[in-house]
Amino acid sequence: MTNPDLLARFERAAIDINAARVEIAKAETRPEVDLDQLKRKLEDLAGAIETIPLPKVAREKRKDDFLAVLKQIEDDVRVQIAHLNE
């Protein structure tokens, strides 16, 4: 438990375990995801990938750096696509 106030209240029996669980759950909830904003970010990422200056990457011997990042993105995309197709 990371909330010292909640822990102290629990130890004094000022709050029962179920109420403590509810407070913890409320504190840990993430804000709602804005799907339109997320989609725009994905579109921006696709645009960035399309504009990678491949000759410059090769000239500056950065192929391995870019390949590693692109392969990670590829793996992540494959997983997401598989889940969406279920």
C-alpha atoms as a PDB file:
ATOM      1  CA  MET A   1       0.000   0.000   0.000  1.00  0.00           C
ATOM      2  CA  THR A   2       1.505   3.318  -1.010  1.00  0.00           C
ATOM      3  CA  ASN A   3      -0.936   5.656   0.700  1.00  0.00           C
ATOM      4  CA  PRO A   4       0.278   6.206   4.283  1.00  0.00           C
ATOM      5  CA  ASP A   5      -2.966   7.968   5.271  1.00  0.00           C
ATOM      6  CA  LEU A   6      -5.043   5.031   4.078  1.00  0.00           C
ATOM      7  CA  LEU A   7      -2.757   2.593   5.888  1.00  0.00           C
ATOM      8  CA  ALA A   8      -2.994   4.591   9.117  1.00  0.00           C
ATOM      9  CA  ARG A   9      -6.802   4.719   8.874  1.00  0.00           C
ATOM     10  CA  PHE A  10      -6.902   0.974   8.267  1.00  0.00           C
ATOM     11  CA  GLU A  11      -4.598   0.277  11.224  1.00  0.00           C
ATOM     12  CA  ARG A  12      -6.811   2.421  13.506  1.00  0.00           C
ATOM     13  CA  ALA A  13      -9.855   0.526  12.219  1.00  0.00           C
ATOM     14  CA  ALA A  14     -11.246   3.809  10.916  1.00  0.00           C
ATOM     15  CA  ILE A  15     -11.835   2.132   7.567  1.00  0.00           C
ATOM     16  CA  ASP A  16     -12.688  -1.483   6.785  1.00  0.00           C
ATOM     17  CA  ILE A  17     -10.920  -3.624   4.222  1.00  0.00           C
ATOM     18  CA  ASN A  18     -13.654  -3.302   1.595  1.00  0.00           C
ATOM     19  CA  ALA A  19     -13.723   0.492   1.815  1.00  0.00           C
ATOM     20  CA  ALA A  20      -9.921   0.515   1.596  1.00  0.00           C
ATOM     21  CA  ARG A  21     -10.058  -1.648  -1.522  1.00  0.00           C
ATOM     22  CA  VAL A  22     -12.555   0.723  -3.116  1.00  0.00           C
ATOM     23  CA  GLU A  23     -10.317   3.722  -2.369  1.00  0.00           C
ATOM     24  CA  ILE A  24      -7.292   1.929  -3.807  1.00  0.00           C
ATOM     25  CA  ALA A  25      -9.214   0.951  -6.937  1.00  0.00           C
ATOM     26  CA  LYS A  26     -10.410   4.521  -7.445  1.00  0.00           C
ATOM     27  CA  ALA A  27      -6.888   5.879  -6.994  1.00  0.00           C
ATOM     28  CA  GLU A  28      -5.447   3.402  -9.486  1.00  0.00           C
ATOM     29  CA  THR A  29      -7.956   3.891 -12.280  1.00  0.00           C
ATOM     30  CA  ARG A  30      -6.520   5.376 -15.422  1.00  0.00           C
ATOM     31  CA  PRO A  31      -8.169   8.217 -17.245  1.00  0.00           C
ATOM     32  CA  GLU A  32     -10.369   7.239 -20.154  1.00  0.00           C
ATOM     33  CA  VAL A  33      -8.438   6.739 -23.401  1.00  0.00           C
ATOM     34  CA  ASP A  34      -9.370   9.134 -26.199  1.00  0.00           C
ATOM     35  CA  LEU A  35      -9.566   6.751 -29.164  1.00  0.00           C
ATOM     36  CA  ASP A  36      -9.631   9.544 -31.752  1.00  0.00           C
ATOM     37  CA  GLN A  37      -6.462  11.060 -30.308  1.00  0.00           C
ATOM     38  CA  LEU A  38      -4.815   7.648 -30.185  1.00  0.00           C
ATOM     39  CA  LYS A  39      -5.750   7.014 -33.813  1.00  0.00           C
ATOM     40  CA  ARG A  40      -4.230  10.378 -34.809  1.00  0.00           C
ATOM     41  CA  LYS A  41      -1.009   9.413 -33.021  1.00  0.00           C
ATOM     42  CA  LEU A  42      -0.903   6.147 -34.955  1.00  0.00           C
ATOM     43  CA  GLU A  43      -1.448   8.043 -38.204  1.00  0.00           C
ATOM     44  CA  ASP A  44       1.391  10.418 -37.243  1.00  0.00           C
ATOM     45  CA  LEU A  45       3.632   7.430 -36.549  1.00  0.00           C
ATOM     46  CA  ALA A  46       2.775   5.929 -39.945  1.00  0.00           C
ATOM     47  CA  GLY A  47       3.658   9.260 -41.572  1.00  0.00           C
ATOM     48  CA  ALA A  48       6.964   9.400 -39.711  1.00  0.00           C
ATOM     49  CA  ILE A  49       7.829   5.867 -40.807  1.00  0.00           C
ATOM     50  CA  GLU A  50       7.071   6.750 -44.437  1.00  0.00           C
ATOM     51  CA  THR A  51       9.483   9.685 -44.305  1.00  0.00           C
ATOM     52  CA  ILE A  52      12.543   7.900 -42.902  1.00  0.00           C
ATOM     53  CA  PRO A  53      15.443   9.072 -45.076  1.00  0.00           C
ATOM     54  CA  LEU A  54      16.759   5.599 -45.895  1.00  0.00           C
ATOM     55  CA  PRO A  55      19.813   6.746 -47.907  1.00  0.00           C
ATOM     56  CA  LYS A  56      20.914   8.990 -45.031  1.00  0.00           C
ATOM     57  CA  VAL A  57      20.344   6.201 -42.493  1.00  0.00           C
ATOM     58  CA  ALA A  58      22.560   3.923 -44.593  1.00  0.00           C
ATOM     59  CA  ARG A  59      25.212   6.615 -45.169  1.00  0.00           C
ATOM     60  CA  GLU A  60      25.480   7.340 -41.449  1.00  0.00           C
ATOM     61  CA  LYS A  61      25.598   3.620 -40.659  1.00  0.00           C
ATOM     62  CA  ARG A  62      22.454   3.776 -38.508  1.00  0.00           C
ATOM     63  CA  LYS A  63      20.646   0.870 -40.191  1.00  0.00           C
ATOM     64  CA  ASP A  64      20.860  -1.369 -37.116  1.00  0.00           C
ATOM     65  CA  ASP A  65      19.369   1.354 -34.896  1.00  0.00           C
ATOM     66  CA  PHE A  66      16.432   1.916 -37.207  1.00  0.00           C
ATOM     67  CA  LEU A  67      15.949  -1.787 -37.919  1.00  0.00           C
ATOM     68  CA  ALA A  68      15.692  -2.539 -34.200  1.00  0.00           C
ATOM     69  CA  VAL A  69      13.033   0.121 -33.651  1.00  0.00           C
ATOM     70  CA  LEU A  70      11.094  -0.808 -36.773  1.00  0.00           C
ATOM     71  CA  LYS A  71      11.145  -4.508 -35.877  1.00  0.00           C
ATOM     72  CA  GLN A  72       9.785  -3.692 -32.410  1.00  0.00           C
ATOM     73  CA  ILE A  73       7.029  -1.593 -33.968  1.00  0.00           C
ATOM     74  CA  GLU A  74       6.317  -4.415 -36.435  1.00  0.00           C
ATOM     75  CA  ASP A  75       6.023  -6.962 -33.614  1.00  0.00           C
ATOM     76  CA  ASP A  76       3.734  -4.670 -31.606  1.00  0.00           C
ATOM     77  CA  VAL A  77       1.554  -4.008 -34.648  1.00  0.00           C
ATOM     78  CA  ARG A  78       1.237  -7.726 -35.434  1.00  0.00           C
ATOM     79  CA  VAL A  79       0.091  -8.419 -31.867  1.00  0.00           C
ATOM     80  CA  GLN A  80      -2.465  -5.601 -31.950  1.00  0.00           C
ATOM     81  CA  ILE A  81      -3.794  -6.701 -35.340  1.00  0.00           C
ATOM     82  CA  ALA A  82      -4.148 -10.284 -34.124  1.00  0.00           C
ATOM     83  CA  HIS A  83      -6.143  -9.105 -31.093  1.00  0.00           C
ATOM     84  CA  LEU A  84      -8.368  -6.855 -33.195  1.00  0.00           C
ATOM     85  CA  ASN A  85      -9.074  -9.719 -35.610  1.00  0.00           C
ATOM     86  CA  GLU A  86     -10.245 -12.067 -32.851  1.00  0.00           C
END
